[in-house]
């Protein structure tokens, strides 16, 4: 009997031991699951914190964008007033500009009148003709050089000059024309296509394009071709004087084109100069 009881108690103890072992295994498994859950919970917590920071950053950006939008709306509301004030200012500036243009035109007209008074130009019989040169430099018949004078000085065609007095009178008259052309260039603030060098009866006219084509030649030859004399010291200077007069006529034609006159006869130097001064004077009445 006692043996049976001992066996029963032993079996009961074994069952309890196995139950305790199973319970310990369950506890260890539960502890592992708890650690895993804690780890997952930590990961989720960090993700939530990162999401919270991102939400805060986006909220701040949204607030900044909303503030910019409000500033843009306020600036947009100010634009019509700014446009109105700018339009008023532009109108005032335009009125001032028109007044300045009118004043400048009147001053130019006054100077043109004074030039016509200081350098009186008399148009004579322009039907007088003589030999001249065409656009290619060839001699042609019928170019009108004579028949006009400035300050009482007549210009005789280069081919008709036979005396020293005629040559000097022509040179002095061309020097006065050069002075008027230079004054018009300064008055209009327009550079001449062929710059003139007013030196009285020894005036010259320059051809800047000749300097670019003669860079390999000597300085003396360069100056001799780049500057064309408006006077004649010897018979060999006639072709050069023809070329100088033609370049001077081109300068007058340049200003006439500036005033809308395109049909210009280059052989009528002084009539074209009178037409130019009258056109400058007439601009003050057109404004």
C-alpha atoms as a PDB file:
ATOM      1  CA  UNK A   1       0.000   0.000   0.000  1.00  0.00           C
ATOM      2  CA  UNK A   2       2.732   2.370   0.909  1.00  0.00           C
ATOM      3  CA  UNK A   3       4.554   1.513  -2.275  1.00  0.00           C
ATOM      4  CA  UNK A   4       1.472   2.317  -4.302  1.00  0.00           C
ATOM      5  CA  UNK A   5       1.097   5.637  -2.548  1.00  0.00           C
ATOM      6  CA  UNK A   6       4.749   6.443  -3.155  1.00  0.00           C
ATOM      7  CA  UNK A   7       4.265   5.593  -6.812  1.00  0.00           C
ATOM      8  CA  UNK A   8       1.192   7.774  -7.006  1.00  0.00           C
ATOM      9  CA  UNK A   9       2.963  10.660  -5.338  1.00  0.00           C
ATOM     10  CA  UNK A  10       5.977  10.200  -7.582  1.00  0.00           C
ATOM     11  CA  UNK A  11       3.810  10.229 -10.657  1.00  0.00           C
ATOM     12  CA  UNK A  12       2.034  13.272  -9.352  1.00  0.00           C
ATOM     13  CA  UNK A  13       5.359  14.991  -8.766  1.00  0.00           C
ATOM     14  CA  UNK A  14       6.502  14.100 -12.291  1.00  0.00           C
ATOM     15  CA  UNK A  15       3.285  15.442 -13.743  1.00  0.00           C
ATOM     16  CA  UNK A  16       3.762  18.640 -11.767  1.00  0.00           C
ATOM     17  CA  UNK A  17       7.384  18.888 -12.880  1.00  0.00           C
ATOM     18  CA  UNK A  18       6.414  18.395 -16.530  1.00  0.00           C
ATOM     19  CA  UNK A  19       3.634  20.978 -16.074  1.00  0.00           C
ATOM     20  CA  UNK A  20       6.120  23.445 -14.562  1.00  0.00           C
ATOM     21  CA  UNK A  21       8.525  22.810 -17.427  1.00  0.00           C
ATOM     22  CA  UNK A  22       5.755  23.389 -19.955  1.00  0.00           C
ATOM     23  CA  UNK A  23       4.792  26.541 -18.101  1.00  0.00           C
ATOM     24  CA  UNK A  24       8.408  27.706 -18.113  1.00  0.00           C
ATOM     25  CA  UNK A  25       8.622  27.069 -21.837  1.00  0.00           C
ATOM     26  CA  UNK A  26       5.419  29.003 -22.377  1.00  0.00           C
ATOM     27  CA  UNK A  27       6.766  31.843 -20.226  1.00  0.00           C
ATOM     28  CA  UNK A  28      10.023  31.939 -22.190  1.00  0.00           C
ATOM     29  CA  UNK A  29       8.117  31.908 -25.483  1.00  0.00           C
ATOM     30  CA  UNK A  30       5.824  34.622 -24.177  1.00  0.00           C
ATOM     31  CA  UNK A  31       8.859  36.647 -23.073  1.00  0.00           C
ATOM     32  CA  UNK A  32      10.355  36.293 -26.584  1.00  0.00           C
ATOM     33  CA  UNK A  33       7.102  37.405 -28.161  1.00  0.00           C
ATOM     34  CA  UNK A  34       6.954  40.330 -25.749  1.00  0.00           C
ATOM     35  CA  UNK A  35      10.517  41.361 -26.695  1.00  0.00           C
ATOM     36  CA  UNK A  36       9.655  41.074 -30.368  1.00  0.00           C
ATOM     37  CA  UNK A  37       6.503  43.104 -29.852  1.00  0.00           C
ATOM     38  CA  UNK A  38       8.490  45.692 -27.941  1.00  0.00           C
ATOM     39  CA  UNK A  39      10.962  45.892 -30.807  1.00  0.00           C
ATOM     40  CA  UNK A  40       8.143  46.317 -33.314  1.00  0.00           C
ATOM     41  CA  UNK A  41       6.550  48.852 -31.035  1.00  0.00           C
ATOM     42  CA  UNK A  42       9.845  50.786 -30.947  1.00  0.00           C
ATOM     43  CA  UNK A  43      10.046  50.711 -34.744  1.00  0.00           C
ATOM     44  CA  UNK A  44       6.458  51.885 -35.070  1.00  0.00           C
ATOM     45  CA  UNK A  45       7.120  54.574 -32.483  1.00  0.00           C
ATOM     46  CA  UNK A  46      10.120  55.846 -34.460  1.00  0.00           C
ATOM     47  CA  UNK A  47       8.075  55.794 -37.653  1.00  0.00           C
ATOM     48  CA  UNK A  48       5.300  57.702 -35.931  1.00  0.00           C
ATOM     49  CA  UNK A  49       7.804  60.230 -34.618  1.00  0.00           C
ATOM     50  CA  UNK A  50       9.337  60.664 -38.116  1.00  0.00           C
ATOM     51  CA  UNK A  51       5.848  61.029 -39.575  1.00  0.00           C
ATOM     52  CA  UNK A  52       5.018  63.595 -36.886  1.00  0.00           C
ATOM     53  CA  UNK A  53       8.168  65.564 -37.716  1.00  0.00           C
ATOM     54  CA  UNK A  54       7.316  65.387 -41.433  1.00  0.00           C
ATOM     55  CA  UNK A  55       3.813  66.586 -40.684  1.00  0.00           C
ATOM     56  CA  UNK A  56       5.192  69.474 -38.647  1.00  0.00           C
ATOM     57  CA  UNK A  57       7.622  70.377 -41.437  1.00  0.00           C
ATOM     58  CA  UNK A  58       4.845  70.251 -44.012  1.00  0.00           C
ATOM     59  CA  UNK A  59       2.661  72.336 -41.735  1.00  0.00           C
ATOM     60  CA  UNK A  60       5.397  74.957 -41.438  1.00  0.00           C
ATOM     61  CA  UNK A  61       5.927  74.921 -45.210  1.00  0.00           C
ATOM     62  CA  UNK A  62       2.219  75.234 -45.763  1.00  0.00           C
ATOM     63  CA  UNK A  63       2.111  78.196 -43.411  1.00  0.00           C
ATOM     64  CA  UNK A  64       5.047  79.803 -45.259  1.00  0.00           C
ATOM     65  CA  UNK A  65       3.394  79.168 -48.633  1.00  0.00           C
ATOM     66  CA  UNK A  66       0.122  80.579 -47.361  1.00  0.00           C
ATOM     67  CA  UNK A  67       1.975  83.656 -46.131  1.00  0.00           C
ATOM     68  CA  UNK A  68       3.612  84.049 -49.534  1.00  0.00           C
ATOM     69  CA  UNK A  69       0.251  83.638 -51.227  1.00  0.00           C
ATOM     70  CA  UNK A  70      -1.206  86.337 -48.993  1.00  0.00           C
ATOM     71  CA  UNK A  71       1.753  88.627 -49.789  1.00  0.00           C
ATOM     72  CA  UNK A  72       1.290  87.924 -53.496  1.00  0.00           C
ATOM     73  CA  UNK A  73      -2.399  88.713 -53.209  1.00  0.00           C
ATOM     74  CA  UNK A  74      -1.605  91.981 -51.440  1.00  0.00           C
ATOM     75  CA  UNK A  75       0.998  92.807 -54.110  1.00  0.00           C
ATOM     76  CA  UNK A  76      -1.529  91.917 -56.808  1.00  0.00           C
ATOM     77  CA  UNK A  77      -4.006  94.270 -55.230  1.00  0.00           C
ATOM     78  CA  UNK A  78      -1.393  97.040 -55.309  1.00  0.00           C
ATOM     79  CA  UNK A  79      -0.573  96.478 -58.985  1.00  0.00           C
ATOM     80  CA  UNK A  80      -3.527  98.476 -60.409  1.00  0.00           C
ATOM     81  CA  UNK A  81      -2.527 101.477 -58.301  1.00  0.00           C
ATOM     82  CA  UNK A  82       1.077 101.124 -59.391  1.00  0.00           C
ATOM     83  CA  UNK A  83       0.024 100.844 -63.027  1.00  0.00           C
ATOM     84  CA  UNK A  84      -2.126 103.937 -62.698  1.00  0.00           C
ATOM     85  CA  UNK A  85       0.694 105.919 -61.116  1.00  0.00           C
ATOM     86  CA  UNK A  86       3.138 104.624 -63.752  1.00  0.00           C
ATOM     87  CA  UNK A  87       0.752 105.640 -66.547  1.00  0.00           C
ATOM     88  CA  UNK A  88       0.437 109.114 -65.057  1.00  0.00           C
ATOM     89  CA  UNK A  89       4.213 109.398 -64.750  1.00  0.00           C
ATOM     90  CA  UNK A  90       4.723 108.150 -68.309  1.00  0.00           C
ATOM     91  CA  UNK A  91       2.233 110.723 -69.575  1.00  0.00           C
ATOM     92  CA  UNK A  92       4.072 113.442 -67.712  1.00  0.00           C
ATOM     93  CA  UNK A  93       7.422 112.204 -69.043  1.00  0.00           C
ATOM     94  CA  UNK A  94       5.980 112.070 -72.545  1.00  0.00           C
ATOM     95  CA  UNK A  95       4.746 115.646 -72.244  1.00  0.00           C
ATOM     96  CA  UNK A  96       8.170 116.714 -70.992  1.00  0.00           C
ATOM     97  CA  UNK A  97       9.836 114.783 -73.820  1.00  0.00           C
ATOM     98  CA  UNK A  98       7.598 116.385 -76.417  1.00  0.00           C
ATOM     99  CA  UNK A  99       8.349 119.815 -74.935  1.00  0.00           C
ATOM    100  CA  UNK A 100      12.067 119.072 -75.043  1.00  0.00           C
ATOM    101  CA  UNK A 101      11.794 117.870 -78.636  1.00  0.00           C
ATOM    102  CA  UNK A 102       9.916 121.022 -79.567  1.00  0.00           C
ATOM    103  CA  UNK A 103      12.498 123.179 -77.794  1.00  0.00           C
ATOM    104  CA  UNK A 104      15.328 121.324 -79.529  1.00  0.00           C
ATOM    105  CA  UNK A 105      13.616 121.684 -82.910  1.00  0.00           C
ATOM    106  CA  UNK A 106      13.125 125.413 -82.300  1.00  0.00           C
ATOM    107  CA  UNK A 107      16.764 125.788 -81.313  1.00  0.00           C
ATOM    108  CA  UNK A 108      17.831 123.896 -84.430  1.00  0.00           C
ATOM    109  CA  UNK A 109      15.557 126.056 -86.564  1.00  0.00           C
ATOM    110  CA  UNK A 110      17.044 129.173 -84.985  1.00  0.00           C
ATOM    111  CA  UNK A 111      20.561 127.926 -85.679  1.00  0.00           C
ATOM    112  CA  UNK A 112      19.577 127.068 -89.272  1.00  0.00           C
ATOM    113  CA  UNK A 113      18.238 130.603 -89.734  1.00  0.00           C
ATOM    114  CA  UNK A 114      21.446 132.020 -88.330  1.00  0.00           C
ATOM    115  CA  UNK A 115      23.519 129.825 -90.631  1.00  0.00           C
ATOM    116  CA  UNK A 116      21.524 131.050 -93.620  1.00  0.00           C
ATOM    117  CA  UNK A 117      22.042 134.620 -92.417  1.00  0.00           C
ATOM    118  CA  UNK A 118      25.764 134.234 -91.694  1.00  0.00           C
ATOM    119  CA  UNK A 119      26.474 132.226 -94.838  1.00  0.00           C
ATOM    120  CA  UNK A 120      24.062 133.638 -97.455  1.00  0.00           C
ATOM    121  CA  UNK A 121      23.724 131.343-100.431  1.00  0.00           C
ATOM    122  CA  UNK A 122      22.714 132.832-103.758  1.00  0.00           C
ATOM    123  CA  UNK A 123      21.393 130.525-106.449  1.00  0.00           C
ATOM    124  CA  UNK A 124      22.251 131.826-109.866  1.00  0.00           C
ATOM    125  CA  UNK A 125      21.886 130.383-113.311  1.00  0.00           C
ATOM    126  CA  UNK A 126      22.198 126.665-112.672  1.00  0.00           C
ATOM    127  CA  UNK A 127      21.784 125.934-116.373  1.00  0.00           C
ATOM    128  CA  UNK A 128      25.517 126.557-116.827  1.00  0.00           C
ATOM    129  CA  UNK A 129      27.171 123.212-117.300  1.00  0.00           C
ATOM    130  CA  UNK A 130      30.586 121.787-117.823  1.00  0.00           C
ATOM    131  CA  UNK A 131      32.446 118.521-117.688  1.00  0.00           C
ATOM    132  CA  UNK A 132      32.173 116.438-114.554  1.00  0.00           C
ATOM    133  CA  UNK A 133      32.525 112.918-113.215  1.00  0.00           C
ATOM    134  CA  UNK A 134      29.833 110.281-112.797  1.00  0.00           C
ATOM    135  CA  UNK A 135      29.463 107.797-109.909  1.00  0.00           C
ATOM    136  CA  UNK A 136      32.258 105.583-111.339  1.00  0.00           C
ATOM    137  CA  UNK A 137      34.654 108.520-111.748  1.00  0.00           C
ATOM    138  CA  UNK A 138      34.413 108.698-115.556  1.00  0.00           C
ATOM    139  CA  UNK A 139      34.224 112.082-117.316  1.00  0.00           C
ATOM    140  CA  UNK A 140      30.724 112.962-118.511  1.00  0.00           C
ATOM    141  CA  UNK A 141      29.154 116.041-120.044  1.00  0.00           C
ATOM    142  CA  UNK A 142      26.476 118.199-118.506  1.00  0.00           C
ATOM    143  CA  UNK A 143      27.256 118.199-114.752  1.00  0.00           C
ATOM    144  CA  UNK A 144      26.197 121.593-113.351  1.00  0.00           C
ATOM    145  CA  UNK A 145      28.909 122.975-111.059  1.00  0.00           C
ATOM    146  CA  UNK A 146      28.618 126.702-111.708  1.00  0.00           C
ATOM    147  CA  UNK A 147      25.842 129.200-111.129  1.00  0.00           C
ATOM    148  CA  UNK A 148      25.830 129.408-107.309  1.00  0.00           C
ATOM    149  CA  UNK A 149      27.780 131.294-104.653  1.00  0.00           C
ATOM    150  CA  UNK A 150      28.109 131.480-100.877  1.00  0.00           C
ATOM    151  CA  UNK A 151      28.946 134.772 -99.158  1.00  0.00           C
ATOM    152  CA  UNK A 152      29.574 136.196-102.603  1.00  0.00           C
ATOM    153  CA  UNK A 153      32.207 133.569-103.411  1.00  0.00           C
ATOM    154  CA  UNK A 154      31.531 131.620-106.578  1.00  0.00           C
ATOM    155  CA  UNK A 155      32.492 128.025-107.083  1.00  0.00           C
ATOM    156  CA  UNK A 156      33.952 127.316-110.459  1.00  0.00           C
ATOM    157  CA  UNK A 157      34.079 123.762-111.720  1.00  0.00           C
ATOM    158  CA  UNK A 158      37.532 122.145-111.456  1.00  0.00           C
ATOM    159  CA  UNK A 159      37.757 121.725-115.221  1.00  0.00           C
ATOM    160  CA  UNK A 160      37.011 125.431-115.780  1.00  0.00           C
ATOM    161  CA  UNK A 161      39.663 126.793-113.431  1.00  0.00           C
ATOM    162  CA  UNK A 162      42.349 128.515-115.467  1.00  0.00           C
ATOM    163  CA  UNK A 163      43.561 131.212-113.076  1.00  0.00           C
ATOM    164  CA  UNK A 164      44.969 131.125-109.564  1.00  0.00           C
ATOM    165  CA  UNK A 165      42.311 133.622-108.402  1.00  0.00           C
ATOM    166  CA  UNK A 166      39.500 131.317-109.560  1.00  0.00           C
ATOM    167  CA  UNK A 167      41.083 128.380-107.742  1.00  0.00           C
ATOM    168  CA  UNK A 168      41.416 130.302-104.476  1.00  0.00           C
ATOM    169  CA  UNK A 169      37.860 131.672-104.691  1.00  0.00           C
ATOM    170  CA  UNK A 170      36.512 128.166-105.236  1.00  0.00           C
ATOM    171  CA  UNK A 171      38.591 126.819-102.340  1.00  0.00           C
ATOM    172  CA  UNK A 172      37.343 129.596-100.030  1.00  0.00           C
ATOM    173  CA  UNK A 173      33.717 128.937-101.017  1.00  0.00           C
ATOM    174  CA  UNK A 174      34.114 125.184-100.435  1.00  0.00           C
ATOM    175  CA  UNK A 175      35.718 125.966 -97.070  1.00  0.00           C
ATOM    176  CA  UNK A 176      32.572 127.894 -96.078  1.00  0.00           C
ATOM    177  CA  UNK A 177      30.408 124.994 -97.263  1.00  0.00           C
ATOM    178  CA  UNK A 178      32.527 122.644 -95.168  1.00  0.00           C
ATOM    179  CA  UNK A 179      32.033 124.873 -92.134  1.00  0.00           C
ATOM    180  CA  UNK A 180      28.241 124.839 -92.605  1.00  0.00           C
ATOM    181  CA  UNK A 181      28.165 121.054 -93.064  1.00  0.00           C
ATOM    182  CA  UNK A 182      30.267 120.572 -89.922  1.00  0.00           C
ATOM    183  CA  UNK A 183      27.943 122.920 -87.987  1.00  0.00           C
ATOM    184  CA  UNK A 184      24.890 120.939 -89.159  1.00  0.00           C
ATOM    185  CA  UNK A 185      26.553 117.695 -88.087  1.00  0.00           C
ATOM    186  CA  UNK A 186      27.188 119.082 -84.599  1.00  0.00           C
ATOM    187  CA  UNK A 187      23.688 120.558 -84.478  1.00  0.00           C
ATOM    188  CA  UNK A 188      22.000 117.256 -85.363  1.00  0.00           C
ATOM    189  CA  UNK A 189      24.383 115.102 -83.288  1.00  0.00           C
ATOM    190  CA  UNK A 190      24.894 112.908 -86.349  1.00  0.00           C
ATOM    191  CA  UNK A 191      28.418 111.905 -87.408  1.00  0.00           C
ATOM    192  CA  UNK A 192      29.290 112.503 -91.024  1.00  0.00           C
ATOM    193  CA  UNK A 193      29.785 109.542 -93.305  1.00  0.00           C
ATOM    194  CA  UNK A 194      32.853 111.332 -94.645  1.00  0.00           C
ATOM    195  CA  UNK A 195      34.230 113.615 -91.896  1.00  0.00           C
ATOM    196  CA  UNK A 196      35.252 117.088 -92.938  1.00  0.00           C
ATOM    197  CA  UNK A 197      38.228 119.106 -91.699  1.00  0.00           C
ATOM    198  CA  UNK A 198      37.296 122.824 -91.918  1.00  0.00           C
ATOM    199  CA  UNK A 199      40.476 124.817 -92.573  1.00  0.00           C
ATOM    200  CA  UNK A 200      39.184 127.755 -94.557  1.00  0.00           C
ATOM    201  CA  UNK A 201      40.443 127.658 -98.120  1.00  0.00           C
ATOM    202  CA  UNK A 202      42.503 124.548 -97.304  1.00  0.00           C
ATOM    203  CA  UNK A 203      39.688 122.350 -96.052  1.00  0.00           C
ATOM    204  CA  UNK A 204      39.694 118.616 -96.675  1.00  0.00           C
ATOM    205  CA  UNK A 205      37.264 115.728 -96.451  1.00  0.00           C
ATOM    206  CA  UNK A 206      38.227 112.282 -95.149  1.00  0.00           C
ATOM    207  CA  UNK A 207      37.323 108.852 -96.430  1.00  0.00           C
ATOM    208  CA  UNK A 208      37.632 106.409 -93.471  1.00  0.00           C
ATOM    209  CA  UNK A 209      37.079 103.428 -95.782  1.00  0.00           C
ATOM    210  CA  UNK A 210      40.299 104.222 -97.625  1.00  0.00           C
ATOM    211  CA  UNK A 211      42.315 103.743 -94.413  1.00  0.00           C
ATOM    212  CA  UNK A 212      41.064 100.188 -94.070  1.00  0.00           C
ATOM    213  CA  UNK A 213      42.140  99.276 -97.603  1.00  0.00           C
ATOM    214  CA  UNK A 214      45.633 100.795 -97.481  1.00  0.00           C
ATOM    215  CA  UNK A 215      47.067  99.442 -94.250  1.00  0.00           C
ATOM    216  CA  UNK A 216      50.112  97.943 -96.004  1.00  0.00           C
ATOM    217  CA  UNK A 217      51.197 101.156 -97.746  1.00  0.00           C
ATOM    218  CA  UNK A 218      53.300 104.022 -96.470  1.00  0.00           C
ATOM    219  CA  UNK A 219      51.908 106.706 -94.139  1.00  0.00           C
ATOM    220  CA  UNK A 220      52.320 109.461 -96.716  1.00  0.00           C
ATOM    221  CA  UNK A 221      50.358 107.550 -99.354  1.00  0.00           C
ATOM    222  CA  UNK A 222      47.735 106.649 -96.743  1.00  0.00           C
ATOM    223  CA  UNK A 223      47.126 110.271 -95.759  1.00  0.00           C
ATOM    224  CA  UNK A 224      47.159 111.398 -99.395  1.00  0.00           C
ATOM    225  CA  UNK A 225      44.321 109.025-100.313  1.00  0.00           C
ATOM    226  CA  UNK A 226      42.353 109.142 -97.047  1.00  0.00           C
ATOM    227  CA  UNK A 227      42.014 112.969 -97.172  1.00  0.00           C
ATOM    228  CA  UNK A 228      40.656 114.575-100.304  1.00  0.00           C
ATOM    229  CA  UNK A 229      41.463 118.298-100.697  1.00  0.00           C
ATOM    230  CA  UNK A 230      38.723 120.809-101.368  1.00  0.00           C
ATOM    231  CA  UNK A 231      41.235 123.034-103.138  1.00  0.00           C
ATOM    232  CA  UNK A 232      43.425 122.799-106.188  1.00  0.00           C
ATOM    233  CA  UNK A 233      47.090 123.794-106.154  1.00  0.00           C
ATOM    234  CA  UNK A 234      48.011 122.381-109.540  1.00  0.00           C
ATOM    235  CA  UNK A 235      46.296 120.972-112.598  1.00  0.00           C
ATOM    236  CA  UNK A 236      46.817 117.398-111.436  1.00  0.00           C
ATOM    237  CA  UNK A 237      44.513 118.077-108.454  1.00  0.00           C
ATOM    238  CA  UNK A 238      41.371 118.356-110.625  1.00  0.00           C
ATOM    239  CA  UNK A 239      40.301 114.682-110.264  1.00  0.00           C
ATOM    240  CA  UNK A 240      40.888 114.802-106.507  1.00  0.00           C
ATOM    241  CA  UNK A 241      38.842 117.998-106.228  1.00  0.00           C
ATOM    242  CA  UNK A 242      36.022 116.329-108.181  1.00  0.00           C
ATOM    243  CA  UNK A 243      36.091 113.420-105.724  1.00  0.00           C
ATOM    244  CA  UNK A 244      36.155 115.767-102.707  1.00  0.00           C
ATOM    245  CA  UNK A 245      33.120 117.711-103.985  1.00  0.00           C
ATOM    246  CA  UNK A 246      31.272 114.450-104.605  1.00  0.00           C
ATOM    247  CA  UNK A 247      32.008 113.221-101.042  1.00  0.00           C
ATOM    248  CA  UNK A 248      30.847 116.573 -99.671  1.00  0.00           C
ATOM    249  CA  UNK A 249      27.615 116.241-101.653  1.00  0.00           C
ATOM    250  CA  UNK A 250      27.119 112.770-100.153  1.00  0.00           C
ATOM    251  CA  UNK A 251      27.348 114.304 -96.662  1.00  0.00           C
ATOM    252  CA  UNK A 252      24.612 116.819 -97.522  1.00  0.00           C
ATOM    253  CA  UNK A 253      22.531 114.017 -99.033  1.00  0.00           C
ATOM    254  CA  UNK A 254      22.944 112.067 -95.780  1.00  0.00           C
ATOM    255  CA  UNK A 255      21.195 114.822 -93.795  1.00  0.00           C
ATOM    256  CA  UNK A 256      18.537 115.301 -96.454  1.00  0.00           C
ATOM    257  CA  UNK A 257      17.659 111.602 -96.238  1.00  0.00           C
ATOM    258  CA  UNK A 258      17.451 112.047 -92.464  1.00  0.00           C
ATOM    259  CA  UNK A 259      14.695 114.620 -93.099  1.00  0.00           C
ATOM    260  CA  UNK A 260      12.827 112.464 -95.606  1.00  0.00           C
ATOM    261  CA  UNK A 261      14.252 113.964 -98.814  1.00  0.00           C
ATOM    262  CA  UNK A 262      15.410 111.046-100.956  1.00  0.00           C
ATOM    263  CA  UNK A 263      15.356 112.473-104.486  1.00  0.00           C
ATOM    264  CA  UNK A 264      18.637 114.402-104.384  1.00  0.00           C
ATOM    265  CA  UNK A 265      20.825 115.591-107.249  1.00  0.00           C
ATOM    266  CA  UNK A 266      24.386 115.322-105.987  1.00  0.00           C
ATOM    267  CA  UNK A 267      25.639 117.821-108.563  1.00  0.00           C
ATOM    268  CA  UNK A 268      23.577 120.611-106.942  1.00  0.00           C
ATOM    269  CA  UNK A 269      25.647 121.082-103.782  1.00  0.00           C
ATOM    270  CA  UNK A 270      24.542 124.526-102.622  1.00  0.00           C
ATOM    271  CA  UNK A 271      20.859 124.145-103.587  1.00  0.00           C
ATOM    272  CA  UNK A 272      20.845 120.906-101.593  1.00  0.00           C
ATOM    273  CA  UNK A 273      22.461 122.716 -98.665  1.00  0.00           C
ATOM    274  CA  UNK A 274      19.790 125.420 -98.771  1.00  0.00           C
ATOM    275  CA  UNK A 275      17.101 122.737 -98.929  1.00  0.00           C
ATOM    276  CA  UNK A 276      18.669 121.057 -95.908  1.00  0.00           C
ATOM    277  CA  UNK A 277      18.707 124.223 -93.801  1.00  0.00           C
ATOM    278  CA  UNK A 278      15.112 124.983 -94.794  1.00  0.00           C
ATOM    279  CA  UNK A 279      14.097 121.423 -93.859  1.00  0.00           C
ATOM    280  CA  UNK A 280      15.719 121.821 -90.417  1.00  0.00           C
ATOM    281  CA  UNK A 281      13.925 125.124 -90.005  1.00  0.00           C
ATOM    282  CA  UNK A 282      10.615 123.569 -91.076  1.00  0.00           C
ATOM    283  CA  UNK A 283      10.855 120.795 -88.473  1.00  0.00           C
ATOM    284  CA  UNK A 284      10.038 123.305 -85.731  1.00  0.00           C
ATOM    285  CA  UNK A 285       6.675 124.081 -87.361  1.00  0.00           C
ATOM    286  CA  UNK A 286       5.857 120.376 -87.824  1.00  0.00           C
ATOM    287  CA  UNK A 287       6.008 119.667 -84.079  1.00  0.00           C
END
